[in-house]
Amino acid sequence: VTLYAPDEQVVKNVQLIAAQVTEVLLIDNTPEVDNAALFSTVTHARYFANSCNLGLSAAFNRYLQLEVCKSSDYVIFFDQDTQIVDKQVETLTRDFEILKRTHRVGYLGPCFFDTNSQRLLGVPEGSRAVENNCFSVRATITSSCVSQYAILKEVGFWNEHIFLDYADLELGWRLVRAGFENFVTANVQMRHRFGAGARQLYNPFKRRYAWISVHQPVRLYYQTRDGTKLLRYSYVRRREKIIVIKEVLARLLLRLLQLDERARALSYWGRGLYDGIRGIDGALVTKGNRRRAV
């Protein structure tokens, strides 16, 4: 579980996870803060304070090298906003084993109820139904994504050039390139929150409204930077690149529609685009009016 400025609700979410797994590794990316005391009552958990923001990919990769990960039957990734349901891990691992009989499984994710937009999501348009109420997909979200250490090792684990946004999709696309197949199961419907909220934006091409998640303005920097990097990867299909471009532009447009956020949003978006083109990695550090990534 990756953490960033966790609170009491996050502790409750982690307790639900801890009740269903052998051990929880809590990876805290909060800069210069140790939140160990906050999780002192959580059983079957180990807390690690990084004292800096490593990003999702680098944080996962660092602790995947622990013996507990190498020796486990499964590795499941979560973020702090996820509220898992009863028997979620049992169902995911069971479905993984069922799919392994006839498929070379890369990773398996759940369907999820987005508490911001109040929608059940997880099965993209064009997904192919397979056995046991599961669907073949190109990629799925990080949270509650289950795989195995040997599989992750074969594809080089998480891509540390992708700091946060799109890391889950990029991993899925690399798994497909390596000959694996990814899935989601409709047998799990967990609760998950995307960003600080969600708003509808009219799509004139499809003549309908689309839900776009809303994040803090600085998140637009990482979304733009990571999305720009994806455009250079040959294993990302043209259709997927178009989707990434649309998402990055739609999130900028939503921010520009908020009068009090226009200047900051445009600044972060422009910097993210510039740093993405240059291939800059690491967390964004703001000093006065100067912003840099390290």
C-alpha atoms as a PDB file:
ATOM      1  CA  VAL A   1       0.000   0.000   0.000  1.00  0.00           C
ATOM      2  CA  THR A   2       1.456   3.352  -0.995  1.00  0.00           C
ATOM      3  CA  LEU A   3       0.701   6.192   1.416  1.00  0.00           C
ATOM      4  CA  TYR A   4       0.817   9.974   1.202  1.00  0.00           C
ATOM      5  CA  ALA A   5      -0.306  12.146   4.143  1.00  0.00           C
ATOM      6  CA  PRO A   6      -2.504   9.343   5.543  1.00  0.00           C
ATOM      7  CA  ASP A   7      -5.294   9.968   8.060  1.00  0.00           C
ATOM      8  CA  GLU A   8      -7.606   7.884  10.270  1.00  0.00           C
ATOM      9  CA  GLN A   9      -9.759   6.811   7.303  1.00  0.00           C
ATOM     10  CA  VAL A  10      -6.658   5.386   5.651  1.00  0.00           C
ATOM     11  CA  VAL A  11      -5.964   3.377   8.823  1.00  0.00           C
ATOM     12  CA  LYS A  12      -9.466   1.884   8.567  1.00  0.00           C
ATOM     13  CA  ASN A  13      -8.871   1.012   4.915  1.00  0.00           C
ATOM     14  CA  VAL A  14      -5.568  -0.669   5.781  1.00  0.00           C
ATOM     15  CA  GLN A  15      -7.177  -2.661   8.600  1.00  0.00           C
ATOM     16  CA  LEU A  16      -9.641  -4.135   6.106  1.00  0.00           C
ATOM     17  CA  ILE A  17      -6.748  -5.185   3.889  1.00  0.00           C
ATOM     18  CA  ALA A  18      -4.703  -6.596   6.777  1.00  0.00           C
ATOM     19  CA  ALA A  19      -7.568  -8.889   7.739  1.00  0.00           C
ATOM     20  CA  GLN A  20      -7.407 -10.659   4.365  1.00  0.00           C
ATOM     21  CA  VAL A  21      -3.676 -11.015   3.624  1.00  0.00           C
ATOM     22  CA  THR A  22      -0.596 -12.576   5.203  1.00  0.00           C
ATOM     23  CA  GLU A  23       1.209  -9.261   5.592  1.00  0.00           C
ATOM     24  CA  VAL A  24       0.742  -5.619   4.612  1.00  0.00           C
ATOM     25  CA  LEU A  25       3.714  -3.490   3.592  1.00  0.00           C
ATOM     26  CA  LEU A  26       2.895   0.180   4.184  1.00  0.00           C
ATOM     27  CA  ILE A  27       5.095   2.393   2.002  1.00  0.00           C
ATOM     28  CA  ASP A  28       4.858   6.031   3.070  1.00  0.00           C
ATOM     29  CA  ASN A  29       5.928   8.622   0.488  1.00  0.00           C
ATOM     30  CA  THR A  30       5.074  11.574   2.738  1.00  0.00           C
ATOM     31  CA  PRO A  31       8.162  13.856   2.729  1.00  0.00           C
ATOM     32  CA  GLU A  32       9.997  14.257   6.052  1.00  0.00           C
ATOM     33  CA  VAL A  33       7.215  12.616   8.101  1.00  0.00           C
ATOM     34  CA  ASP A  34       7.053   9.333   9.990  1.00  0.00           C
ATOM     35  CA  ASN A  35       3.468   8.105  10.433  1.00  0.00           C
ATOM     36  CA  ALA A  36       4.375   4.822  12.126  1.00  0.00           C
ATOM     37  CA  ALA A  37       2.354   5.658  15.261  1.00  0.00           C
ATOM     38  CA  LEU A  38      -0.787   6.089  13.162  1.00  0.00           C
ATOM     39  CA  PHE A  39      -0.645   2.441  12.090  1.00  0.00           C
ATOM     40  CA  SER A  40       0.600   0.967  15.389  1.00  0.00           C
ATOM     41  CA  THR A  41      -2.678  -0.904  15.992  1.00  0.00           C
ATOM     42  CA  VAL A  42      -2.760  -2.591  12.571  1.00  0.00           C
ATOM     43  CA  THR A  43      -1.825  -6.268  12.825  1.00  0.00           C
ATOM     44  CA  HIS A  44       0.197  -8.145  10.169  1.00  0.00           C
ATOM     45  CA  ALA A  45       1.647  -4.854   8.930  1.00  0.00           C
ATOM     46  CA  ARG A  46       5.125  -3.388   8.427  1.00  0.00           C
ATOM     47  CA  TYR A  47       5.508   0.353   8.039  1.00  0.00           C
ATOM     48  CA  PHE A  48       8.284   2.023   6.012  1.00  0.00           C
ATOM     49  CA  ALA A  49       8.841   5.797   6.000  1.00  0.00           C
ATOM     50  CA  ASN A  50      10.679   6.906   2.880  1.00  0.00           C
ATOM     51  CA  SER A  51      10.979  10.527   4.126  1.00  0.00           C
ATOM     52  CA  CYS A  52      10.554  11.650   0.510  1.00  0.00           C
ATOM     53  CA  ASN A  53       8.147  11.114  -2.346  1.00  0.00           C
ATOM     54  CA  LEU A  54       9.617   8.285  -4.421  1.00  0.00           C
ATOM     55  CA  GLY A  55       6.523   8.035  -6.593  1.00  0.00           C
ATOM     56  CA  LEU A  56       4.373   4.948  -6.939  1.00  0.00           C
ATOM     57  CA  SER A  57       6.599   2.899  -9.251  1.00  0.00           C
ATOM     58  CA  ALA A  58       9.907   3.409  -7.434  1.00  0.00           C
ATOM     59  CA  ALA A  59       8.277   2.811  -4.046  1.00  0.00           C
ATOM     60  CA  PHE A  60       6.737  -0.470  -5.186  1.00  0.00           C
ATOM     61  CA  ASN A  61       9.993  -1.625  -6.785  1.00  0.00           C
ATOM     62  CA  ARG A  62      12.071  -0.892  -3.684  1.00  0.00           C
ATOM     63  CA  TYR A  63       9.961  -3.089  -1.402  1.00  0.00           C
ATOM     64  CA  LEU A  64       9.258  -5.809  -3.936  1.00  0.00           C
ATOM     65  CA  GLN A  65      12.849  -6.839  -3.256  1.00  0.00           C
ATOM     66  CA  LEU A  66      11.979  -7.926   0.292  1.00  0.00           C
ATOM     67  CA  GLU A  67      11.997 -11.666   0.878  1.00  0.00           C
ATOM     68  CA  VAL A  68       8.326 -11.664   1.877  1.00  0.00           C
ATOM     69  CA  CYS A  69       7.419 -10.534  -1.654  1.00  0.00           C
ATOM     70  CA  LYS A  70       9.741 -12.990  -3.380  1.00  0.00           C
ATOM     71  CA  SER A  71       8.383 -15.936  -1.380  1.00  0.00           C
ATOM     72  CA  SER A  72       4.673 -15.055  -1.436  1.00  0.00           C
ATOM     73  CA  ASP A  73       2.152 -16.821  -3.650  1.00  0.00           C
ATOM     74  CA  TYR A  74       0.689 -13.479  -4.698  1.00  0.00           C
ATOM     75  CA  VAL A  75       1.532  -9.800  -4.535  1.00  0.00           C
ATOM     76  CA  ILE A  76      -1.422  -7.391  -4.439  1.00  0.00           C
ATOM     77  CA  PHE A  77      -1.050  -3.627  -4.858  1.00  0.00           C
ATOM     78  CA  PHE A  78      -3.295  -1.057  -3.187  1.00  0.00           C
ATOM     79  CA  ASP A  79      -3.511   2.666  -2.715  1.00  0.00           C
ATOM     80  CA  GLN A  80      -4.754   4.303   0.444  1.00  0.00           C
ATOM     81  CA  ASP A  81      -8.208   5.315  -0.835  1.00  0.00           C
ATOM     82  CA  THR A  82      -9.415   1.776  -1.487  1.00  0.00           C
ATOM     83  CA  GLN A  83     -12.057   0.142   0.700  1.00  0.00           C
ATOM     84  CA  ILE A  84     -11.981  -3.588   0.030  1.00  0.00           C
ATOM     85  CA  VAL A  85     -15.027  -5.813   0.479  1.00  0.00           C
ATOM     86  CA  ASP A  86     -15.510  -9.119   2.274  1.00  0.00           C
ATOM     87  CA  LYS A  87     -13.473 -12.008   0.781  1.00  0.00           C
ATOM     88  CA  GLN A  88     -12.010  -9.717  -1.881  1.00  0.00           C
ATOM     89  CA  VAL A  89      -8.484 -11.140  -1.761  1.00  0.00           C
ATOM     90  CA  GLU A  90      -9.792 -14.712  -1.617  1.00  0.00           C
ATOM     91  CA  THR A  91     -11.937 -14.100  -4.690  1.00  0.00           C
ATOM     92  CA  LEU A  92      -9.150 -12.413  -6.654  1.00  0.00           C
ATOM     93  CA  THR A  93      -6.636 -15.195  -6.007  1.00  0.00           C
ATOM     94  CA  ARG A  94      -9.241 -17.860  -6.765  1.00  0.00           C
ATOM     95  CA  ASP A  95     -10.092 -16.235 -10.101  1.00  0.00           C
ATOM     96  CA  PHE A  96      -6.386 -15.842 -10.868  1.00  0.00           C
ATOM     97  CA  GLU A  97      -5.898 -19.596 -10.400  1.00  0.00           C
ATOM     98  CA  ILE A  98      -8.916 -20.414 -12.562  1.00  0.00           C
ATOM     99  CA  LEU A  99      -7.659 -18.180 -15.382  1.00  0.00           C
ATOM    100  CA  LYS A 100      -4.147 -19.675 -15.159  1.00  0.00           C
ATOM    101  CA  ARG A 101      -5.532 -23.015 -16.363  1.00  0.00           C
ATOM    102  CA  THR A 102      -6.161 -21.651 -19.855  1.00  0.00           C
ATOM    103  CA  HIS A 103      -4.358 -18.291 -20.023  1.00  0.00           C
ATOM    104  CA  ARG A 104      -0.901 -16.849 -19.370  1.00  0.00           C
ATOM    105  CA  VAL A 105      -2.107 -14.350 -16.779  1.00  0.00           C
ATOM    106  CA  GLY A 106      -0.172 -11.120 -16.241  1.00  0.00           C
ATOM    107  CA  TYR A 107      -2.305  -9.442 -13.646  1.00  0.00           C
ATOM    108  CA  LEU A 108      -5.929  -9.425 -12.504  1.00  0.00           C
ATOM    109  CA  GLY A 109      -7.925  -6.491 -11.165  1.00  0.00           C
ATOM    110  CA  PRO A 110     -11.425  -5.940  -9.758  1.00  0.00           C
ATOM    111  CA  CYS A 111     -14.425  -3.996 -10.886  1.00  0.00           C
ATOM    112  CA  PHE A 112     -14.840  -0.960  -8.663  1.00  0.00           C
ATOM    113  CA  PHE A 113     -17.441   1.539  -7.547  1.00  0.00           C
ATOM    114  CA  ASP A 114     -16.130   5.087  -7.940  1.00  0.00           C
ATOM    115  CA  THR A 115     -17.472   6.964  -4.913  1.00  0.00           C
ATOM    116  CA  ASN A 116     -17.007  10.335  -6.640  1.00  0.00           C
ATOM    117  CA  SER A 117     -19.021   9.717  -9.803  1.00  0.00           C
ATOM    118  CA  GLN A 118     -21.203   6.991  -8.232  1.00  0.00           C
ATOM    119  CA  ARG A 119     -20.463   4.610 -11.122  1.00  0.00           C
ATOM    120  CA  LEU A 120     -19.457   0.973 -11.347  1.00  0.00           C
ATOM    121  CA  LEU A 121     -16.303   0.802 -13.497  1.00  0.00           C
ATOM    122  CA  GLY A 122     -13.507  -1.542 -14.484  1.00  0.00           C
ATOM    123  CA  VAL A 123     -14.596  -3.228 -17.714  1.00  0.00           C
ATOM    124  CA  PRO A 124     -13.614  -0.950 -20.631  1.00  0.00           C
ATOM    125  CA  GLU A 125     -15.496  -0.868 -23.901  1.00  0.00           C
ATOM    126  CA  GLY A 126     -14.378  -3.667 -26.204  1.00  0.00           C
ATOM    127  CA  SER A 127     -13.302  -6.015 -23.397  1.00  0.00           C
ATOM    128  CA  ARG A 128     -13.649  -9.711 -24.191  1.00  0.00           C
ATOM    129  CA  ALA A 129     -15.638 -11.905 -21.815  1.00  0.00           C
ATOM    130  CA  VAL A 130     -13.896 -15.109 -20.740  1.00  0.00           C
ATOM    131  CA  GLU A 131     -14.727 -17.796 -18.198  1.00  0.00           C
ATOM    132  CA  ASN A 132     -15.920 -17.303 -14.621  1.00  0.00           C
ATOM    133  CA  ASN A 133     -17.345 -13.795 -15.065  1.00  0.00           C
ATOM    134  CA  CYS A 134     -13.930 -12.360 -16.010  1.00  0.00           C
ATOM    135  CA  PHE A 135     -12.930 -10.103 -18.890  1.00  0.00           C
ATOM    136  CA  SER A 136      -9.728  -9.831 -20.918  1.00  0.00           C
ATOM    137  CA  VAL A 137      -8.394  -6.252 -20.897  1.00  0.00           C
ATOM    138  CA  ARG A 138      -5.240  -4.452 -21.986  1.00  0.00           C
ATOM    139  CA  ALA A 139      -4.750  -2.945 -18.527  1.00  0.00           C
ATOM    140  CA  THR A 140      -6.498  -2.099 -15.259  1.00  0.00           C
ATOM    141  CA  ILE A 141      -6.022   0.137 -12.209  1.00  0.00           C
ATOM    142  CA  THR A 142      -3.318  -0.298  -9.574  1.00  0.00           C
ATOM    143  CA  SER A 143      -5.515  -0.723  -6.549  1.00  0.00           C
ATOM    144  CA  SER A 144      -6.284  -4.378  -5.752  1.00  0.00           C
ATOM    145  CA  CYS A 145      -4.270  -5.497  -8.772  1.00  0.00           C
ATOM    146  CA  VAL A 146      -2.940  -9.014  -8.113  1.00  0.00           C
ATOM    147  CA  SER A 147       0.066 -10.635  -9.763  1.00  0.00           C
ATOM    148  CA  GLN A 148       3.032 -12.841  -8.853  1.00  0.00           C
ATOM    149  CA  TYR A 149       6.646 -11.905  -8.172  1.00  0.00           C
ATOM    150  CA  ALA A 150       8.086 -14.031 -10.999  1.00  0.00           C
ATOM    151  CA  ILE A 151       5.715 -12.413 -13.521  1.00  0.00           C
ATOM    152  CA  LEU A 152       6.637  -8.896 -12.432  1.00  0.00           C
ATOM    153  CA  LYS A 153      10.320  -9.771 -12.503  1.00  0.00           C
ATOM    154  CA  GLU A 154      10.042 -11.063 -16.070  1.00  0.00           C
ATOM    155  CA  VAL A 155       8.868  -7.671 -17.345  1.00  0.00           C
ATOM    156  CA  GLY A 156      11.227  -5.588 -15.195  1.00  0.00           C
ATOM    157  CA  PHE A 157       8.739  -4.671 -12.441  1.00  0.00           C
ATOM    158  CA  TRP A 158       7.194  -1.169 -12.472  1.00  0.00           C
ATOM    159  CA  ASN A 159       8.528   1.526 -14.799  1.00  0.00           C
ATOM    160  CA  GLU A 160      10.197   4.102 -12.542  1.00  0.00           C
ATOM    161  CA  HIS A 161      10.122   6.707 -15.319  1.00  0.00           C
ATOM    162  CA  ILE A 162       6.327   6.771 -14.774  1.00  0.00           C
ATOM    163  CA  PHE A 163       6.010   8.503 -11.427  1.00  0.00           C
ATOM    164  CA  LEU A 164       2.342   8.053 -10.581  1.00  0.00           C
ATOM    165  CA  ASP A 165      -0.419   8.399 -13.148  1.00  0.00           C
ATOM    166  CA  TYR A 166      -0.610   5.761 -15.870  1.00  0.00           C
ATOM    167  CA  ALA A 167       1.896   3.478 -14.061  1.00  0.00           C
ATOM    168  CA  ASP A 168      -0.747   0.742 -13.840  1.00  0.00           C
ATOM    169  CA  LEU A 169      -1.695   1.036 -17.506  1.00  0.00           C
ATOM    170  CA  GLU A 170       1.941   1.075 -18.616  1.00  0.00           C
ATOM    171  CA  LEU A 171       2.648  -2.105 -16.633  1.00  0.00           C
ATOM    172  CA  GLY A 172      -0.333  -3.794 -18.250  1.00  0.00           C
ATOM    173  CA  TRP A 173       0.786  -2.845 -21.750  1.00  0.00           C
ATOM    174  CA  ARG A 174       4.291  -4.211 -21.094  1.00  0.00           C
ATOM    175  CA  LEU A 175       2.815  -7.458 -19.807  1.00  0.00           C
ATOM    176  CA  VAL A 176       0.836  -7.787 -23.037  1.00  0.00           C
ATOM    177  CA  ARG A 177       3.982  -7.111 -25.070  1.00  0.00           C
ATOM    178  CA  ALA A 178       5.713  -9.933 -23.146  1.00  0.00           C
ATOM    179  CA  GLY A 179       2.974 -12.405 -24.090  1.00  0.00           C
ATOM    180  CA  PHE A 180       0.783 -12.195 -20.983  1.00  0.00           C
ATOM    181  CA  GLU A 181      -2.932 -11.477 -20.839  1.00  0.00           C
ATOM    182  CA  ASN A 182      -4.556  -9.165 -18.278  1.00  0.00           C
ATOM    183  CA  PHE A 183      -8.009  -9.482 -16.769  1.00  0.00           C
ATOM    184  CA  VAL A 184     -10.628  -7.915 -14.540  1.00  0.00           C
ATOM    185  CA  THR A 185     -13.169  -9.899 -12.569  1.00  0.00           C
ATOM    186  CA  ALA A 186     -16.754  -8.830 -12.049  1.00  0.00           C
ATOM    187  CA  ASN A 187     -16.842 -11.114  -9.007  1.00  0.00           C
ATOM    188  CA  VAL A 188     -15.226  -8.283  -7.001  1.00  0.00           C
ATOM    189  CA  GLN A 189     -16.791  -4.840  -6.764  1.00  0.00           C
ATOM    190  CA  MET A 190     -14.706  -2.742  -4.383  1.00  0.00           C
ATOM    191  CA  ARG A 191     -15.143   0.908  -3.393  1.00  0.00           C
ATOM    192  CA  HIS A 192     -12.534   3.320  -4.714  1.00  0.00           C
ATOM    193  CA  ARG A 193     -12.193   7.100  -4.899  1.00  0.00           C
ATOM    194  CA  PHE A 194     -10.533   8.822  -7.847  1.00  0.00           C
ATOM    195  CA  GLY A 195      -9.004  12.152  -6.893  1.00  0.00           C
ATOM    196  CA  ALA A 196     -10.807  14.904  -5.019  1.00  0.00           C
ATOM    197  CA  GLY A 197     -13.949  14.552  -7.102  1.00  0.00           C
ATOM    198  CA  ALA A 198     -15.401  13.941 -10.541  1.00  0.00           C
ATOM    199  CA  ARG A 199     -17.202  16.184 -13.023  1.00  0.00           C
ATOM    200  CA  GLN A 200     -18.933  15.713 -16.318  1.00  0.00           C
ATOM    201  CA  LEU A 201     -17.488  17.234 -19.472  1.00  0.00           C
ATOM    202  CA  TYR A 202     -19.417  17.212 -22.741  1.00  0.00           C
ATOM    203  CA  ASN A 203     -17.781  15.295 -25.591  1.00  0.00           C
ATOM    204  CA  PRO A 204     -18.967  16.893 -28.864  1.00  0.00           C
ATOM    205  CA  PHE A 205     -17.554  14.020 -30.959  1.00  0.00           C
ATOM    206  CA  LYS A 206     -19.581  11.315 -29.175  1.00  0.00           C
ATOM    207  CA  ARG A 207     -22.392  13.740 -28.296  1.00  0.00           C
ATOM    208  CA  ARG A 208     -22.495  12.708 -24.665  1.00  0.00           C
ATOM    209  CA  TYR A 209     -21.033  13.654 -21.300  1.00  0.00           C
ATOM    210  CA  ALA A 210     -17.931  11.939 -19.947  1.00  0.00           C
ATOM    211  CA  TRP A 211     -16.831  11.762 -16.316  1.00  0.00           C
ATOM    212  CA  ILE A 212     -13.388  13.242 -15.610  1.00  0.00           C
ATOM    213  CA  SER A 213     -11.687  12.865 -12.224  1.00  0.00           C
ATOM    214  CA  VAL A 214     -10.593  16.093 -10.538  1.00  0.00           C
ATOM    215  CA  HIS A 215      -7.332  16.290  -8.586  1.00  0.00           C
ATOM    216  CA  GLN A 216      -5.269  18.970  -6.890  1.00  0.00           C
ATOM    217  CA  PRO A 217      -3.600  21.297  -9.452  1.00  0.00           C
ATOM    218  CA  VAL A 218      -0.118  19.843  -8.832  1.00  0.00           C
ATOM    219  CA  ARG A 219      -1.407  16.410  -9.848  1.00  0.00           C
ATOM    220  CA  LEU A 220      -1.940  17.834 -13.333  1.00  0.00           C
ATOM    221  CA  TYR A 221       1.841  18.148 -13.579  1.00  0.00           C
ATOM    222  CA  TYR A 222       2.374  14.401 -13.049  1.00  0.00           C
ATOM    223  CA  GLN A 223      -0.559  13.409 -15.258  1.00  0.00           C
ATOM    224  CA  THR A 224       0.788  15.537 -18.103  1.00  0.00           C
ATOM    225  CA  ARG A 225       4.411  14.503 -17.609  1.00  0.00           C
ATOM    226  CA  ASP A 226       3.655  10.762 -17.373  1.00  0.00           C
ATOM    227  CA  GLY A 227       1.196  10.917 -20.257  1.00  0.00           C
ATOM    228  CA  THR A 228       3.749  12.684 -22.454  1.00  0.00           C
ATOM    229  CA  LYS A 229       6.312   9.961 -21.764  1.00  0.00           C
ATOM    230  CA  LEU A 230       3.842   7.233 -22.777  1.00  0.00           C
ATOM    231  CA  LEU A 231       3.545   8.752 -26.237  1.00  0.00           C
ATOM    232  CA  ARG A 232       7.149   7.703 -26.959  1.00  0.00           C
ATOM    233  CA  TYR A 233       6.675   3.999 -26.095  1.00  0.00           C
ATOM    234  CA  SER A 234       6.254   1.746 -29.136  1.00  0.00           C
ATOM    235  CA  TYR A 235       4.138  -0.834 -27.257  1.00  0.00           C
ATOM    236  CA  VAL A 236       1.488   1.789 -26.485  1.00  0.00           C
ATOM    237  CA  ARG A 237      -1.026   1.497 -29.316  1.00  0.00           C
ATOM    238  CA  ARG A 238      -2.114   4.569 -31.259  1.00  0.00           C
ATOM    239  CA  ARG A 239      -5.651   4.283 -29.875  1.00  0.00           C
ATOM    240  CA  GLU A 240      -4.262   4.288 -26.337  1.00  0.00           C
ATOM    241  CA  LYS A 241      -2.060   7.285 -27.059  1.00  0.00           C
ATOM    242  CA  ILE A 242      -5.103   9.173 -28.324  1.00  0.00           C
ATOM    243  CA  ILE A 243      -6.970   8.302 -25.110  1.00  0.00           C
ATOM    244  CA  VAL A 244      -4.069   9.603 -23.004  1.00  0.00           C
ATOM    245  CA  ILE A 245      -3.930  12.859 -24.987  1.00  0.00           C
ATOM    246  CA  LYS A 246      -7.688  13.358 -24.589  1.00  0.00           C
ATOM    247  CA  GLU A 247      -7.515  12.720 -20.843  1.00  0.00           C
ATOM    248  CA  VAL A 248      -4.653  15.142 -20.278  1.00  0.00           C
ATOM    249  CA  LEU A 249      -6.386  17.862 -22.300  1.00  0.00           C
ATOM    250  CA  ALA A 250      -9.761  17.218 -20.624  1.00  0.00           C
ATOM    251  CA  ARG A 251      -8.254  17.544 -17.139  1.00  0.00           C
ATOM    252  CA  LEU A 252      -6.621  20.818 -18.128  1.00  0.00           C
ATOM    253  CA  LEU A 253      -9.896  22.098 -19.548  1.00  0.00           C
ATOM    254  CA  LEU A 254     -11.751  21.269 -16.329  1.00  0.00           C
ATOM    255  CA  ARG A 255      -9.212  23.234 -14.331  1.00  0.00           C
ATOM    256  CA  LEU A 256      -9.378  26.196 -16.714  1.00  0.00           C
ATOM    257  CA  LEU A 257     -13.129  26.290 -16.185  1.00  0.00           C
ATOM    258  CA  GLN A 258     -12.487  26.951 -12.477  1.00  0.00           C
ATOM    259  CA  LEU A 259     -11.648  30.633 -12.302  1.00  0.00           C
ATOM    260  CA  ASP A 260      -9.575  30.387  -9.115  1.00  0.00           C
ATOM    261  CA  GLU A 261      -7.435  27.555 -10.494  1.00  0.00           C
ATOM    262  CA  ARG A 262      -6.653  28.723 -14.015  1.00  0.00           C
ATOM    263  CA  ALA A 263      -3.177  30.159 -13.538  1.00  0.00           C
ATOM    264  CA  ARG A 264      -1.877  27.306 -11.365  1.00  0.00           C
ATOM    265  CA  ALA A 265      -3.384  24.628 -13.600  1.00  0.00           C
ATOM    266  CA  LEU A 266      -1.889  26.109 -16.759  1.00  0.00           C
ATOM    267  CA  SER A 267       1.478  26.491 -15.059  1.00  0.00           C
ATOM    268  CA  TYR A 268       1.573  22.871 -13.849  1.00  0.00           C
ATOM    269  CA  TRP A 269       0.305  21.563 -17.181  1.00  0.00           C
ATOM    270  CA  GLY A 270       2.914  23.492 -19.151  1.00  0.00           C
ATOM    271  CA  ARG A 271       5.705  22.384 -16.842  1.00  0.00           C
ATOM    272  CA  GLY A 272       4.515  18.777 -17.017  1.00  0.00           C
ATOM    273  CA  LEU A 273       4.523  18.874 -20.805  1.00  0.00           C
ATOM    274  CA  TYR A 274       8.003  20.431 -20.882  1.00  0.00           C
ATOM    275  CA  ASP A 275       9.463  17.941 -18.390  1.00  0.00           C
ATOM    276  CA  GLY A 276       7.735  15.015 -20.092  1.00  0.00           C
ATOM    277  CA  ILE A 277       9.326  15.898 -23.425  1.00  0.00           C
ATOM    278  CA  ARG A 278      12.723  16.160 -21.704  1.00  0.00           C
ATOM    279  CA  GLY A 279      12.205  12.842 -19.882  1.00  0.00           C
ATOM    280  CA  ILE A 280      12.502  14.322 -16.376  1.00  0.00           C
ATOM    281  CA  ASP A 281      11.872  11.904 -13.479  1.00  0.00           C
ATOM    282  CA  GLY A 282      11.253  12.287  -9.749  1.00  0.00           C
ATOM    283  CA  ALA A 283       9.090  14.425  -7.509  1.00  0.00           C
ATOM    284  CA  LEU A 284       8.376  18.059  -8.295  1.00  0.00           C
ATOM    285  CA  VAL A 285      10.045  20.467  -5.868  1.00  0.00           C
ATOM    286  CA  THR A 286       8.678  24.005  -5.695  1.00  0.00           C
ATOM    287  CA  LYS A 287      10.977  26.823  -4.572  1.00  0.00           C
ATOM    288  CA  GLY A 288       9.465  30.239  -4.832  1.00  0.00           C
ATOM    289  CA  ASN A 289       8.335  30.638  -8.416  1.00  0.00           C
ATOM    290  CA  ARG A 290      10.799  28.028  -9.703  1.00  0.00           C
ATOM    291  CA  ARG A 291       9.750  24.423 -10.058  1.00  0.00           C
ATOM    292  CA  ARG A 292      12.053  21.513 -10.718  1.00  0.00           C
ATOM    293  CA  ALA A 293      11.910  17.727 -10.537  1.00  0.00           C
ATOM    294  CA  VAL A 294      14.550  15.732  -8.720  1.00  0.00           C
END
